[in-house]
Amino acid sequence: MACTGTPSSLELAQNARLRPIAELAEEIGLLPDEVELYGRYKAKIDLSVLDRLQGTPDAKLICVTALTPTRLGEGKTTTSVSLAEGLGAIGKRSVLCLREASVGPVFGIKGGAAGGGYAQVLPMEELNLHFTGDIHAIGAANNLLAALLESHILHGNELGIDPLSISWRRCVDMNDRALRQIVVGVGGRANGYVRETGFDITAASEVMAIVAVARDLFDLRRRLGAITVGHTFSEEPVTAEQLNAAGAMTVLLKEALKPNLVQTIEGQPTLVHCGPFANIAHGNNSLVADLVGRKLGEYLVTESGFGSDMGMEKFLNIVCRIGGLSPSGIVLVATVRALKHHGGDPDGGIDAIKRGSANLRRHLEIVRGFGLSAVVAVNRFPTDTEDELELVRSLALEHGAHAAELNEAFERGGEGAAALAEAVVDATRDAPSFDYTYSIDAPIEEKIRAIATRVYGADDVFFLKTASEKMATFAQAGLDRMPICMAKTHLSLSHDATLLNAPEGFTVTVRDIRAYTGAGWLVALCGDMQTMPGLATRPAAFTVDIDADGRTVGLF
């Protein structure tokens, strides 16, 4: 969302005047003992604040999602920041919740995750590069468990673990396709048992998922202990607790569990915490960030990953269920570019937008399927014409949106999103009739089929043999009362990235199902999803460097 004549997002971030974070924390009602400073402009919030503010009214919870994106994204984070700033512009106290940036995508094709222009979160460089170290702590805890598991097998294997049953993988916060499948233990007996394994990107680790849904330190400890790493020769599950790993993992994650406080470029408080991807994980910021944030303002804006069929579905069916949250409304991001893409002609005009609006219609239907109403935010890009933007607005209303407004905060800040904010306030005056897609007591197959048919619009689901066998095993083990986390492409409403717009007559293929016994859900792998991304021919890392003054350049 760049515009000729507007300074780059990095330039705006580097030249912005930030308020000391301690000052902002005091303004939103945090006590000094509840704030742990990480320099002048970042801080962690102690979870004791939840006990102190238990009787404070909850903010209205707004989830920002999008239609099916193009590969470059449609500015959903920018819209989330825009809405928080727009609410501030109309005199409302807003709090924003975002996920932390993974270094892998920052240096890959996606770039940074702090918004852009006059609708971004600061300090931008720190947010995109290491931040407060949470993701590294999650990787360390994950890999500690892997190391303890290997050591246990080498030193007598008291639990009788079948090395060929081990499902626990190492992780690293980088797009590195060469690590998808590796062999460990080579070089002799002293180096362990030779077997195949691999790495996931840290965002896809179950430890990331656990930190993102744990309610407090003791819940974190319990969930880490419940992780299943493999099975014994007699096919009994083996947990992190049995390996005596959970305690040390918890200690590594004590600080990472606390949400991070920063600010938008216009000074709205922002909690940035955890970073699961929505195509291979559950795709939302932490539950504790939401719980804290809803006590600190009138409106809590939280962003879910990718489209409404991805992060929003998981936010509503998993996070809200686990956390007892009740959303007040949805903001659905739409762009001229995306509608042309789904209309089959990225360089086309009005006709392409009209054809592509079927995708917008389907996403609005998904929102209504949860008993919620949507305000459509039409992100303005420099190449958009007034006629095209007005057409998207009118099509959104025609397809059942509560309202549809332009978002121009990239160039104009909160003032450019004031109309969007007013529409959201209006849309959330009355309590919605929120409901889940499936009953938690339904069989595993029925839950997956409900998501595929009611959310994706599929005709049916086909389960490969491995998936069918896993469902039977999990049901026998009493794991069938868990919610479902679908892992599929974000580029289509189906599991096939080539099926654009609003596909019909398709069957979703589920090839495997994994039990995240610590996080508390089952992961259904659809199509050919990878849990470790790779870099493109010309990754974003090529443009990142330092200038003659030692300042970062090329980060976006």
Protein backbone atom coordinates (compact mmCIF):
# COMPACT_ATOMS: atom_id res chain seq x y z
CA MET A 1 0.00 0.00 0.00
CA ALA A 2 2.69 2.48 -1.01
CA CYS A 3 2.02 5.81 -2.62
CA THR A 4 4.30 8.06 -4.65
CA GLY A 5 5.38 11.03 -2.55
CA THR A 6 4.75 9.28 0.76
CA PRO A 7 7.88 8.39 2.78
CA SER A 8 8.53 4.67 3.08
CA SER A 9 7.16 2.87 6.11
CA LEU A 10 10.69 2.37 7.41
CA GLU A 11 11.46 6.10 7.03
CA LEU A 12 8.25 7.02 8.85
CA ALA A 13 9.08 4.57 11.63
CA GLN A 14 12.65 5.79 12.04
CA ASN A 15 11.57 9.44 12.15
CA ALA A 16 8.53 9.01 14.41
CA ARG A 17 8.50 10.49 17.91
CA LEU A 18 7.57 7.71 20.32
CA ARG A 19 6.15 8.18 23.77
CA PRO A 20 8.04 6.43 26.58
CA ILE A 21 6.24 3.14 27.05
CA ALA A 22 6.06 3.63 30.83
CA GLU A 23 4.05 6.79 30.22
CA LEU A 24 1.63 4.99 27.90
CA ALA A 25 1.28 2.10 30.37
CA GLU A 26 0.32 4.51 33.14
CA GLU A 27 -2.21 6.25 30.89
CA ILE A 28 -4.07 2.99 30.15
CA GLY A 29 -4.23 2.05 33.83
CA LEU A 30 -1.28 -0.25 34.41
CA LEU A 31 0.62 -0.03 37.68
CA PRO A 32 4.44 0.23 37.75
CA ASP A 33 4.75 -3.27 39.24
CA GLU A 34 2.77 -4.68 36.31
CA VAL A 35 5.12 -3.32 33.65
CA GLU A 36 8.59 -4.69 32.90
CA LEU A 37 10.54 -2.35 30.61
CA TYR A 38 12.53 -3.63 27.64
CA GLY A 39 14.25 -0.32 26.87
CA ARG A 40 12.24 2.91 26.54
CA TYR A 41 9.65 1.82 23.98
CA LYS A 42 8.84 -1.83 24.72
CA ALA A 43 7.55 -3.54 27.84
CA LYS A 44 6.08 -6.78 29.08
CA ILE A 45 2.88 -6.88 31.11
CA ASP A 46 2.72 -9.09 34.19
CA LEU A 47 -0.35 -11.34 34.17
CA SER A 48 -1.19 -10.29 37.73
CA VAL A 49 -3.05 -7.40 36.11
CA LEU A 50 -5.86 -9.84 35.24
CA ASP A 51 -6.61 -10.45 38.92
CA ARG A 52 -6.58 -6.74 39.74
CA LEU A 53 -8.87 -5.82 36.83
CA GLN A 54 -11.18 -8.81 37.12
CA GLY A 55 -14.22 -6.63 37.80
CA THR A 56 -13.49 -4.14 34.99
CA PRO A 57 -16.02 -4.29 32.11
CA ASP A 58 -14.80 -6.12 29.01
CA ALA A 59 -14.08 -4.20 25.82
CA LYS A 60 -16.01 -5.01 22.68
CA LEU A 61 -13.97 -7.57 20.74
CA ILE A 62 -13.48 -6.91 17.01
CA CYS A 63 -11.75 -9.52 14.83
CA VAL A 64 -10.13 -8.25 11.61
CA THR A 65 -10.01 -10.80 8.80
CA ALA A 66 -10.01 -10.74 4.99
CA LEU A 67 -11.20 -12.32 1.80
CA THR A 68 -8.94 -14.90 0.16
CA PRO A 69 -5.65 -13.00 -0.30
CA THR A 70 -3.20 -12.76 -3.15
CA ARG A 71 0.34 -13.94 -2.48
CA LEU A 72 1.38 -10.44 -1.36
CA GLY A 73 -1.50 -10.02 1.12
CA GLU A 74 -4.11 -7.29 1.15
CA GLY A 75 -3.00 -5.08 4.04
CA LYS A 76 -4.87 -6.79 6.87
CA THR A 77 -2.36 -5.79 9.54
CA THR A 78 -2.41 -2.24 8.19
CA THR A 79 -6.20 -2.30 8.46
CA SER A 80 -6.06 -3.57 12.05
CA VAL A 81 -3.75 -0.70 12.97
CA SER A 82 -5.95 1.67 10.95
CA LEU A 83 -9.05 0.66 12.89
CA ALA A 84 -7.32 1.18 16.24
CA GLU A 85 -6.18 4.63 15.09
CA GLY A 86 -9.58 5.40 13.57
CA LEU A 87 -11.31 4.56 16.84
CA GLY A 88 -8.90 6.91 18.56
CA ALA A 89 -9.70 9.61 16.02
CA ILE A 90 -13.41 9.46 16.92
CA GLY A 91 -12.74 9.56 20.67
CA LYS A 92 -12.89 5.86 21.54
CA ARG A 93 -10.33 4.09 23.71
CA SER A 94 -8.94 1.25 21.60
CA VAL A 95 -6.42 -1.49 22.26
CA LEU A 96 -4.83 -3.42 19.41
CA CYS A 97 -3.61 -7.04 19.53
CA LEU A 98 -1.27 -8.42 16.86
CA ARG A 99 0.97 -11.44 16.37
CA GLU A 100 4.74 -11.23 16.55
CA ALA A 101 6.69 -11.29 13.29
CA SER A 102 8.56 -14.45 12.34
CA VAL A 103 12.01 -13.68 10.95
CA GLY A 104 11.45 -16.29 8.22
CA PRO A 105 8.69 -14.42 6.36
CA VAL A 106 10.31 -11.03 7.10
CA PHE A 107 13.32 -12.14 5.06
CA GLY A 108 11.17 -14.19 2.68
CA ILE A 109 8.48 -12.84 0.37
CA LYS A 110 6.01 -11.37 2.87
CA GLY A 111 8.21 -8.76 4.54
CA GLY A 112 7.44 -7.19 7.91
CA ALA A 113 4.36 -7.51 10.09
CA ALA A 114 3.97 -4.08 11.66
CA GLY A 115 1.52 -2.47 9.22
CA GLY A 116 2.62 0.37 6.99
CA GLY A 117 2.63 4.07 6.26
CA TYR A 118 0.79 6.09 8.92
CA ALA A 119 -0.93 2.89 10.08
CA GLN A 120 1.90 0.93 11.67
CA VAL A 121 3.13 -0.25 15.05
CA LEU A 122 6.42 0.97 16.49
CA PRO A 123 9.30 0.43 17.04
CA MET A 124 9.05 -1.19 13.62
CA GLU A 125 12.59 -2.55 13.30
CA GLU A 126 12.55 -4.26 16.69
CA LEU A 127 9.08 -5.68 16.05
CA ASN A 128 10.25 -7.34 12.84
CA LEU A 129 13.69 -8.44 14.05
CA HIS A 130 13.83 -10.51 17.28
CA PHE A 131 11.61 -8.10 19.32
CA THR A 132 11.77 -9.24 22.98
CA GLY A 133 13.06 -12.71 22.13
CA ASP A 134 9.79 -14.61 22.64
CA ILE A 135 10.03 -16.65 19.45
CA HIS A 136 13.62 -17.63 20.18
CA ALA A 137 12.57 -18.78 23.67
CA ILE A 138 9.83 -20.89 22.11
CA GLY A 139 12.34 -22.45 19.74
CA ALA A 140 14.74 -23.15 22.62
CA ALA A 141 12.01 -24.87 24.66
CA ASN A 142 10.94 -26.93 21.64
CA ASN A 143 14.51 -28.05 20.93
CA LEU A 144 15.25 -28.77 24.58
CA LEU A 145 12.45 -31.33 24.49
CA ALA A 146 13.94 -32.83 21.31
CA ALA A 147 17.39 -33.07 22.92
CA LEU A 148 16.04 -34.66 26.12
CA LEU A 149 14.12 -37.17 24.03
CA GLU A 150 17.24 -38.19 22.08
CA SER A 151 19.23 -38.42 25.33
CA HIS A 152 16.60 -40.63 26.96
CA ILE A 153 16.74 -43.11 24.09
CA LEU A 154 20.54 -43.18 24.09
CA HIS A 155 20.86 -43.68 27.85
CA GLY A 156 18.86 -46.89 28.25
CA ASN A 157 15.42 -45.91 26.90
CA GLU A 158 13.70 -46.65 30.20
CA LEU A 159 10.28 -45.76 28.81
CA GLY A 160 10.66 -48.15 25.87
CA ILE A 161 10.15 -45.48 23.23
CA ASP A 162 9.95 -46.76 19.67
CA PRO A 163 12.33 -44.44 17.76
CA LEU A 164 10.31 -44.92 14.57
CA SER A 165 7.21 -43.55 16.31
CA ILE A 166 8.76 -40.22 17.32
CA SER A 167 6.66 -37.33 16.03
CA TRP A 168 8.43 -34.46 17.81
CA ARG A 169 10.44 -32.28 15.42
CA ARG A 170 12.95 -29.50 15.98
CA CYS A 171 12.18 -25.95 14.89
CA VAL A 172 13.93 -22.77 13.77
CA ASP A 173 12.59 -19.28 13.03
CA MET A 174 13.71 -19.22 9.41
CA ASN A 175 12.42 -20.33 6.01
CA ASP A 176 14.83 -23.20 5.33
CA ARG A 177 13.45 -25.92 3.06
CA ALA A 178 16.62 -28.04 3.35
CA LEU A 179 15.63 -28.85 6.94
CA ARG A 180 12.20 -30.28 6.12
CA GLN A 181 13.58 -33.82 6.15
CA ILE A 182 16.91 -34.65 7.81
CA VAL A 183 18.73 -37.59 9.37
CA VAL A 184 20.01 -37.34 12.95
CA GLY A 185 22.31 -39.56 14.97
CA VAL A 186 24.89 -40.18 12.26
CA GLY A 187 28.54 -40.58 13.23
CA GLY A 188 28.39 -43.48 15.66
CA ARG A 189 26.50 -44.70 18.73
CA ALA A 190 27.64 -41.76 20.88
CA ASN A 191 25.61 -39.43 18.66
CA GLY A 192 22.32 -41.22 19.20
CA TYR A 193 19.88 -43.38 17.26
CA VAL A 194 20.01 -42.88 13.48
CA ARG A 195 16.58 -41.91 12.20
CA GLU A 196 14.78 -39.53 9.89
CA THR A 197 13.19 -36.40 11.32
CA GLY A 198 12.95 -32.74 10.35
CA PHE A 199 12.43 -29.12 11.31
CA ASP A 200 9.29 -26.98 11.36
CA ILE A 201 9.35 -23.21 11.35
CA THR A 202 8.91 -22.07 14.96
CA ALA A 203 5.52 -20.54 14.20
CA ALA A 204 4.23 -24.05 13.44
CA SER A 205 5.58 -25.60 16.64
CA GLU A 206 3.14 -26.95 19.18
CA VAL A 207 5.09 -24.99 21.80
CA MET A 208 4.10 -21.79 19.96
CA ALA A 209 0.49 -22.95 20.02
CA ILE A 210 0.69 -23.73 23.73
CA VAL A 211 2.12 -20.33 24.67
CA ALA A 212 -0.61 -18.74 22.55
CA VAL A 213 -3.48 -20.41 24.45
CA ALA A 214 -2.08 -20.83 27.99
CA ARG A 215 -3.98 -18.73 30.56
CA ASP A 216 -1.19 -18.49 33.15
CA LEU A 217 2.16 -19.99 34.12
CA PHE A 218 0.66 -23.11 35.68
CA ASP A 219 -1.62 -23.73 32.71
CA LEU A 220 1.49 -23.38 30.53
CA ARG A 221 3.30 -25.96 32.69
CA ARG A 222 0.39 -28.40 32.47
CA ARG A 223 0.06 -28.05 28.69
CA LEU A 224 3.79 -28.49 28.09
CA GLY A 225 3.74 -31.66 30.14
CA ALA A 226 0.86 -33.02 28.05
CA ILE A 227 2.78 -32.84 24.75
CA THR A 228 2.95 -36.24 23.04
CA VAL A 229 6.38 -36.87 21.50
CA GLY A 230 5.91 -40.45 20.29
CA HIS A 231 4.88 -43.92 21.45
CA THR A 232 6.36 -46.92 23.19
CA PHE A 233 6.87 -50.29 21.52
CA SER A 234 3.55 -51.26 23.11
CA GLU A 235 1.94 -48.23 21.41
CA GLU A 236 1.42 -46.21 24.58
CA PRO A 237 1.83 -42.41 24.20
CA VAL A 238 4.93 -40.77 25.68
CA THR A 239 4.68 -37.22 27.01
CA ALA A 240 7.07 -34.40 27.84
CA GLU A 241 6.11 -34.91 31.49
CA GLN A 242 7.35 -38.50 31.39
CA LEU A 243 10.65 -37.25 29.96
CA ASN A 244 10.98 -34.76 32.86
CA ALA A 245 11.15 -31.95 30.31
CA ALA A 246 8.13 -29.79 31.14
CA GLY A 247 9.61 -28.00 34.15
CA ALA A 248 12.71 -26.76 32.37
CA MET A 249 10.66 -25.83 29.29
CA THR A 250 8.37 -23.74 31.50
CA VAL A 251 11.31 -21.90 33.02
CA LEU A 252 12.59 -21.04 29.52
CA LEU A 253 9.15 -19.61 28.69
CA LYS A 254 8.34 -17.66 31.88
CA GLU A 255 9.03 -14.27 30.31
CA ALA A 256 7.77 -15.24 26.86
CA LEU A 257 4.30 -15.89 28.33
CA LYS A 258 3.90 -12.20 29.21
CA PRO A 259 2.36 -10.05 26.42
CA ASN A 260 4.43 -7.21 24.97
CA LEU A 261 3.23 -3.60 25.05
CA VAL A 262 4.16 -1.18 22.25
CA GLN A 263 2.26 1.58 20.42
CA THR A 264 0.89 2.62 17.05
CA ILE A 265 2.41 5.58 15.26
CA GLU A 266 -0.47 7.65 16.73
CA GLY A 267 0.01 6.33 20.27
CA GLN A 268 -2.69 3.65 20.63
CA PRO A 269 -1.62 0.84 23.01
CA THR A 270 -0.76 -2.36 21.16
CA LEU A 271 -0.15 -5.84 22.56
CA VAL A 272 2.07 -7.92 20.27
CA HIS A 273 2.38 -11.54 21.33
CA CYS A 274 2.95 -15.00 19.81
CA GLY A 275 3.10 -15.69 16.09
CA PRO A 276 1.39 -18.86 14.82
CA PHE A 277 0.67 -18.93 11.06
CA ALA A 278 -2.95 -19.41 10.05
CA ASN A 279 -2.35 -21.93 7.25
CA ILE A 280 -0.25 -24.40 9.28
CA ALA A 281 -1.23 -23.37 12.82
CA HIS A 282 -4.13 -21.53 14.48
CA GLY A 283 -3.06 -18.08 13.32
CA ASN A 284 -3.90 -15.71 16.19
CA ASN A 285 -2.13 -13.70 18.86
CA SER A 286 -2.10 -15.02 22.41
CA LEU A 287 -5.17 -15.56 24.54
CA VAL A 288 -3.53 -13.71 27.45
CA ALA A 289 -3.01 -10.65 25.22
CA ASP A 290 -6.73 -10.68 24.42
CA LEU A 291 -7.65 -11.17 28.08
CA VAL A 292 -5.43 -8.28 29.18
CA GLY A 293 -6.35 -6.04 26.26
CA ARG A 294 -10.09 -6.29 26.81
CA LYS A 295 -9.62 -4.83 30.31
CA LEU A 296 -7.68 -1.76 29.12
CA GLY A 297 -10.02 -0.07 26.66
CA GLU A 298 -13.50 0.17 25.15
CA TYR A 299 -12.69 -1.66 21.92
CA LEU A 300 -10.22 -4.52 21.48
CA VAL A 301 -9.08 -4.99 17.87
CA THR A 302 -7.45 -8.36 17.16
CA GLU A 303 -6.19 -9.65 13.82
CA SER A 304 -6.52 -13.26 12.64
CA GLY A 305 -4.31 -14.64 9.89
CA PHE A 306 -5.22 -14.77 6.19
CA GLY A 307 -8.91 -15.10 5.20
CA SER A 308 -12.06 -15.72 7.21
CA ASP A 309 -11.82 -19.41 6.31
CA MET A 310 -8.40 -19.54 7.97
CA GLY A 311 -7.45 -17.48 11.03
CA MET A 312 -10.95 -16.18 11.76
CA GLU A 313 -12.48 -19.65 11.71
CA LYS A 314 -9.81 -20.83 14.15
CA PHE A 315 -10.16 -17.74 16.32
CA LEU A 316 -13.89 -18.31 16.66
CA ASN A 317 -13.93 -22.12 16.91
CA ILE A 318 -10.73 -22.62 18.93
CA VAL A 319 -9.54 -19.46 20.73
CA CYS A 320 -12.97 -18.14 21.71
CA ARG A 321 -14.01 -21.61 22.85
CA ILE A 322 -10.89 -22.14 24.96
CA GLY A 323 -10.80 -18.59 26.31
CA GLY A 324 -14.51 -17.99 26.84
CA LEU A 325 -14.38 -14.96 24.52
CA SER A 326 -17.41 -13.55 22.76
CA PRO A 327 -16.75 -11.41 19.66
CA SER A 328 -18.84 -8.33 18.98
CA GLY A 329 -18.17 -8.02 15.26
CA ILE A 330 -15.93 -8.68 12.28
CA VAL A 331 -14.04 -6.38 9.93
CA LEU A 332 -13.46 -8.01 6.53
CA VAL A 333 -10.67 -6.52 4.41
CA ALA A 334 -11.28 -6.35 0.65
CA THR A 335 -9.22 -4.84 -2.16
CA VAL A 336 -9.68 -4.07 -5.82
CA ARG A 337 -6.52 -6.08 -6.51
CA ALA A 338 -7.80 -9.24 -4.82
CA LEU A 339 -11.19 -9.13 -6.53
CA LYS A 340 -9.54 -8.75 -9.95
CA HIS A 341 -7.27 -11.68 -9.08
CA HIS A 342 -10.22 -13.88 -8.17
CA GLY A 343 -12.06 -12.63 -11.22
CA GLY A 344 -9.36 -14.23 -13.35
CA ASP A 345 -7.79 -11.01 -14.67
CA PRO A 346 -5.36 -9.22 -12.30
CA ASP A 347 -4.95 -6.39 -14.82
CA GLY A 348 -8.62 -6.19 -15.69
CA GLY A 349 -11.30 -3.65 -14.90
CA ILE A 350 -14.89 -3.49 -13.72
CA ASP A 351 -15.91 -6.87 -15.15
CA ALA A 352 -13.07 -8.66 -13.35
CA ILE A 353 -14.11 -7.05 -10.06
CA LYS A 354 -17.70 -8.17 -10.56
CA ARG A 355 -16.63 -11.75 -11.27
CA GLY A 356 -14.25 -11.77 -8.31
CA SER A 357 -16.92 -10.48 -5.95
CA ALA A 358 -18.15 -14.06 -5.60
CA ASN A 359 -15.19 -14.56 -3.25
CA LEU A 360 -16.27 -11.53 -1.20
CA ARG A 361 -19.82 -12.88 -1.07
CA ARG A 362 -18.62 -16.26 0.22
CA HIS A 363 -16.54 -14.68 2.98
CA LEU A 364 -19.48 -12.58 4.10
CA GLU A 365 -21.53 -15.79 4.21
CA ILE A 366 -18.84 -17.39 6.39
CA VAL A 367 -19.08 -14.51 8.86
CA ARG A 368 -22.88 -14.75 8.97
CA GLY A 369 -22.55 -18.49 9.56
CA PHE A 370 -21.12 -17.65 12.99
CA GLY A 371 -24.05 -15.35 13.77
CA LEU A 372 -21.89 -12.24 13.31
CA SER A 373 -22.10 -9.18 11.08
CA ALA A 374 -19.23 -7.78 9.03
CA VAL A 375 -18.04 -4.30 8.18
CA VAL A 376 -16.03 -4.39 4.95
CA ALA A 377 -12.87 -2.28 4.92
CA VAL A 378 -11.90 -1.42 1.35
CA ASN A 379 -8.15 -0.78 1.36
CA ARG A 380 -7.15 1.91 -1.10
CA PHE A 381 -4.09 1.23 -3.24
CA PRO A 382 -2.46 3.88 -5.51
CA THR A 383 -3.57 2.10 -8.69
CA ASP A 384 -7.26 1.95 -7.67
CA THR A 385 -9.72 4.24 -9.44
CA GLU A 386 -12.66 5.89 -7.70
CA ASP A 387 -15.10 3.88 -9.81
CA GLU A 388 -13.40 0.62 -8.82
CA LEU A 389 -13.40 1.46 -5.12
CA GLU A 390 -17.05 2.50 -5.19
CA LEU A 391 -17.94 -0.73 -6.99
CA VAL A 392 -16.29 -2.82 -4.28
CA ARG A 393 -18.22 -0.88 -1.62
CA SER A 394 -21.54 -1.36 -3.39
CA LEU A 395 -20.89 -5.06 -4.03
CA ALA A 396 -20.08 -5.58 -0.35
CA LEU A 397 -23.39 -4.02 0.66
CA GLU A 398 -25.22 -5.99 -2.00
CA HIS A 399 -23.76 -9.22 -0.60
CA GLY A 400 -24.88 -8.50 2.95
CA ALA A 401 -22.20 -6.43 4.70
CA HIS A 402 -23.44 -4.27 7.57
CA ALA A 403 -21.40 -1.40 6.10
CA ALA A 404 -18.49 -0.86 3.71
CA GLU A 405 -16.01 2.00 4.05
CA LEU A 406 -12.73 3.04 2.48
CA ASN A 407 -9.59 2.68 4.56
CA GLU A 408 -7.09 5.45 3.78
CA ALA A 409 -5.08 5.37 7.00
CA PHE A 410 -1.91 4.30 5.19
CA GLU A 411 -1.63 7.86 3.85
CA ARG A 412 -3.78 9.78 6.34
CA GLY A 413 -3.49 7.96 9.68
CA GLY A 414 -6.49 7.64 11.99
CA GLU A 415 -8.42 10.37 10.17
CA GLY A 416 -8.36 8.15 7.07
CA ALA A 417 -10.08 5.34 8.98
CA ALA A 418 -12.59 7.43 10.96
CA ALA A 419 -15.53 6.42 8.76
CA LEU A 420 -14.53 2.76 9.12
CA ALA A 421 -14.36 3.17 12.90
CA GLU A 422 -17.80 4.81 13.01
CA ALA A 423 -19.22 1.90 11.02
CA VAL A 424 -17.69 -0.61 13.45
CA VAL A 425 -19.12 1.24 16.45
CA ASP A 426 -22.55 1.15 14.82
CA ALA A 427 -22.26 -2.54 13.87
CA THR A 428 -21.38 -3.58 17.43
CA ARG A 429 -24.09 -1.70 19.38
CA ASP A 430 -26.17 -4.85 19.80
CA ALA A 431 -24.89 -8.20 21.07
CA PRO A 432 -24.61 -10.76 18.24
CA SER A 433 -25.94 -14.33 18.25
CA PHE A 434 -22.50 -15.91 18.10
CA ASP A 435 -22.30 -19.67 17.64
CA TYR A 436 -19.63 -22.23 16.72
CA THR A 437 -19.43 -24.26 13.52
CA TYR A 438 -19.60 -27.59 15.33
CA SER A 439 -20.33 -29.09 18.72
CA ILE A 440 -17.24 -30.09 20.70
CA ASP A 441 -18.93 -33.44 21.39
CA ALA A 442 -19.30 -34.29 17.70
CA PRO A 443 -17.10 -37.07 16.25
CA ILE A 444 -13.80 -35.96 14.69
CA GLU A 445 -14.96 -36.74 11.15
CA GLU A 446 -18.15 -34.73 11.66
CA LYS A 447 -16.24 -31.68 12.92
CA ILE A 448 -13.89 -31.69 9.95
CA ARG A 449 -16.78 -32.17 7.54
CA ALA A 450 -18.67 -29.25 9.16
CA ILE A 451 -15.72 -26.90 8.61
CA ALA A 452 -15.20 -28.09 5.03
CA THR A 453 -18.85 -27.80 4.01
CA ARG A 454 -20.12 -24.88 6.11
CA VAL A 455 -16.98 -22.71 5.94
CA TYR A 456 -15.12 -23.68 2.77
CA GLY A 457 -18.23 -24.53 0.73
CA ALA A 458 -17.03 -28.06 -0.13
CA ASP A 459 -19.35 -30.84 -1.18
CA ASP A 460 -17.62 -33.39 1.03
CA VAL A 461 -14.37 -34.55 2.63
CA PHE A 462 -12.20 -37.48 1.56
CA PHE A 463 -10.01 -39.00 4.27
CA LEU A 464 -6.90 -40.88 3.19
CA LYS A 465 -6.12 -44.14 4.99
CA THR A 466 -3.66 -42.56 7.42
CA ALA A 467 -6.19 -39.91 8.44
CA SER A 468 -8.96 -42.47 8.92
CA GLU A 469 -6.74 -44.66 11.07
CA LYS A 470 -5.66 -41.67 13.16
CA MET A 471 -9.30 -40.68 13.79
CA ALA A 472 -10.07 -44.14 15.11
CA THR A 473 -6.95 -44.15 17.29
CA PHE A 474 -7.65 -40.69 18.71
CA ALA A 475 -11.27 -41.52 19.44
CA GLN A 476 -10.20 -44.67 21.30
CA ALA A 477 -7.70 -42.59 23.31
CA GLY A 478 -10.39 -40.08 24.31
CA LEU A 479 -9.03 -37.23 22.18
CA ASP A 480 -12.18 -36.86 20.09
CA ARG A 481 -13.58 -34.00 22.20
CA MET A 482 -10.89 -31.60 20.99
CA PRO A 483 -11.51 -28.76 18.51
CA ILE A 484 -10.06 -29.00 15.00
CA CYS A 485 -7.24 -26.89 13.54
CA MET A 486 -7.28 -27.22 9.75
CA ALA A 487 -3.96 -26.87 7.91
CA LYS A 488 -4.56 -25.89 4.30
CA THR A 489 -3.57 -23.34 1.68
CA HIS A 490 -4.56 -19.73 2.36
CA LEU A 491 -4.75 -18.95 -1.37
CA SER A 492 -8.08 -20.70 -1.96
CA LEU A 493 -11.27 -21.43 -0.08
CA SER A 494 -10.52 -25.05 -0.97
CA HIS A 495 -7.41 -27.13 -0.20
CA ASP A 496 -6.19 -26.54 -3.78
CA ALA A 497 -4.36 -23.21 -4.30
CA THR A 498 -5.30 -23.16 -7.98
CA LEU A 499 -9.06 -22.98 -7.29
CA LEU A 500 -9.69 -19.23 -7.07
CA ASN A 501 -12.78 -17.09 -6.39
CA ALA A 502 -15.67 -19.13 -4.92
CA PRO A 503 -15.10 -22.73 -6.05
CA GLU A 504 -17.95 -25.22 -6.06
CA GLY A 505 -18.24 -28.97 -6.43
CA PHE A 506 -14.93 -29.79 -4.75
CA THR A 507 -13.99 -32.36 -2.14
CA VAL A 508 -11.43 -31.54 0.56
CA THR A 509 -8.74 -34.21 0.95
CA VAL A 510 -7.39 -34.81 4.46
CA ARG A 511 -4.14 -36.78 4.28
CA ASP A 512 -3.20 -36.91 7.97
CA ILE A 513 -4.28 -35.79 11.43
CA ARG A 514 -1.92 -34.87 14.28
CA ALA A 515 -2.81 -34.65 17.96
CA TYR A 516 -1.57 -31.51 19.70
CA THR A 517 -2.28 -32.90 23.13
CA GLY A 518 -0.61 -29.97 24.88
CA ALA A 519 -2.30 -27.22 22.91
CA GLY A 520 -5.56 -29.14 23.08
CA TRP A 521 -6.65 -29.68 19.48
CA LEU A 522 -6.30 -31.96 16.46
CA VAL A 523 -4.53 -30.72 13.33
CA ALA A 524 -6.03 -31.92 10.04
CA LEU A 525 -3.48 -31.70 7.20
CA CYS A 526 -5.18 -30.95 3.90
CA GLY A 527 -3.60 -31.27 0.47
CA ASP A 528 0.18 -30.85 0.46
CA MET A 529 0.76 -28.35 3.28
CA GLN A 530 4.37 -27.81 4.41
CA THR A 531 5.24 -26.89 8.00
CA MET A 532 8.59 -25.42 6.91
CA PRO A 533 8.46 -22.73 4.20
CA GLY A 534 11.25 -22.08 1.71
CA LEU A 535 12.78 -18.92 0.27
CA ALA A 536 11.95 -17.65 -3.22
CA THR A 537 14.50 -16.81 -5.92
CA ARG A 538 14.75 -13.21 -4.75
CA PRO A 539 13.79 -13.12 -1.05
CA ALA A 540 13.21 -9.87 0.83
CA ALA A 541 16.52 -10.44 2.62
CA PHE A 542 18.33 -9.27 -0.53
CA THR A 543 17.12 -5.69 0.03
CA VAL A 544 17.93 -5.42 3.76
CA ASP A 545 21.21 -3.75 4.69
CA ILE A 546 22.72 -0.82 6.60
CA ASP A 547 23.53 2.61 5.16
CA ALA A 548 26.61 4.76 5.72
CA ASP A 549 25.21 5.89 9.09
CA GLY A 550 24.53 2.35 10.28
CA ARG A 551 20.74 2.67 9.91
CA THR A 552 18.67 -0.21 8.58
CA VAL A 553 17.48 0.12 4.97
CA GLY A 554 15.29 -2.10 2.81
CA LEU A 555 13.07 -3.44 5.60
CA PHE A 556 9.36 -3.28 4.79
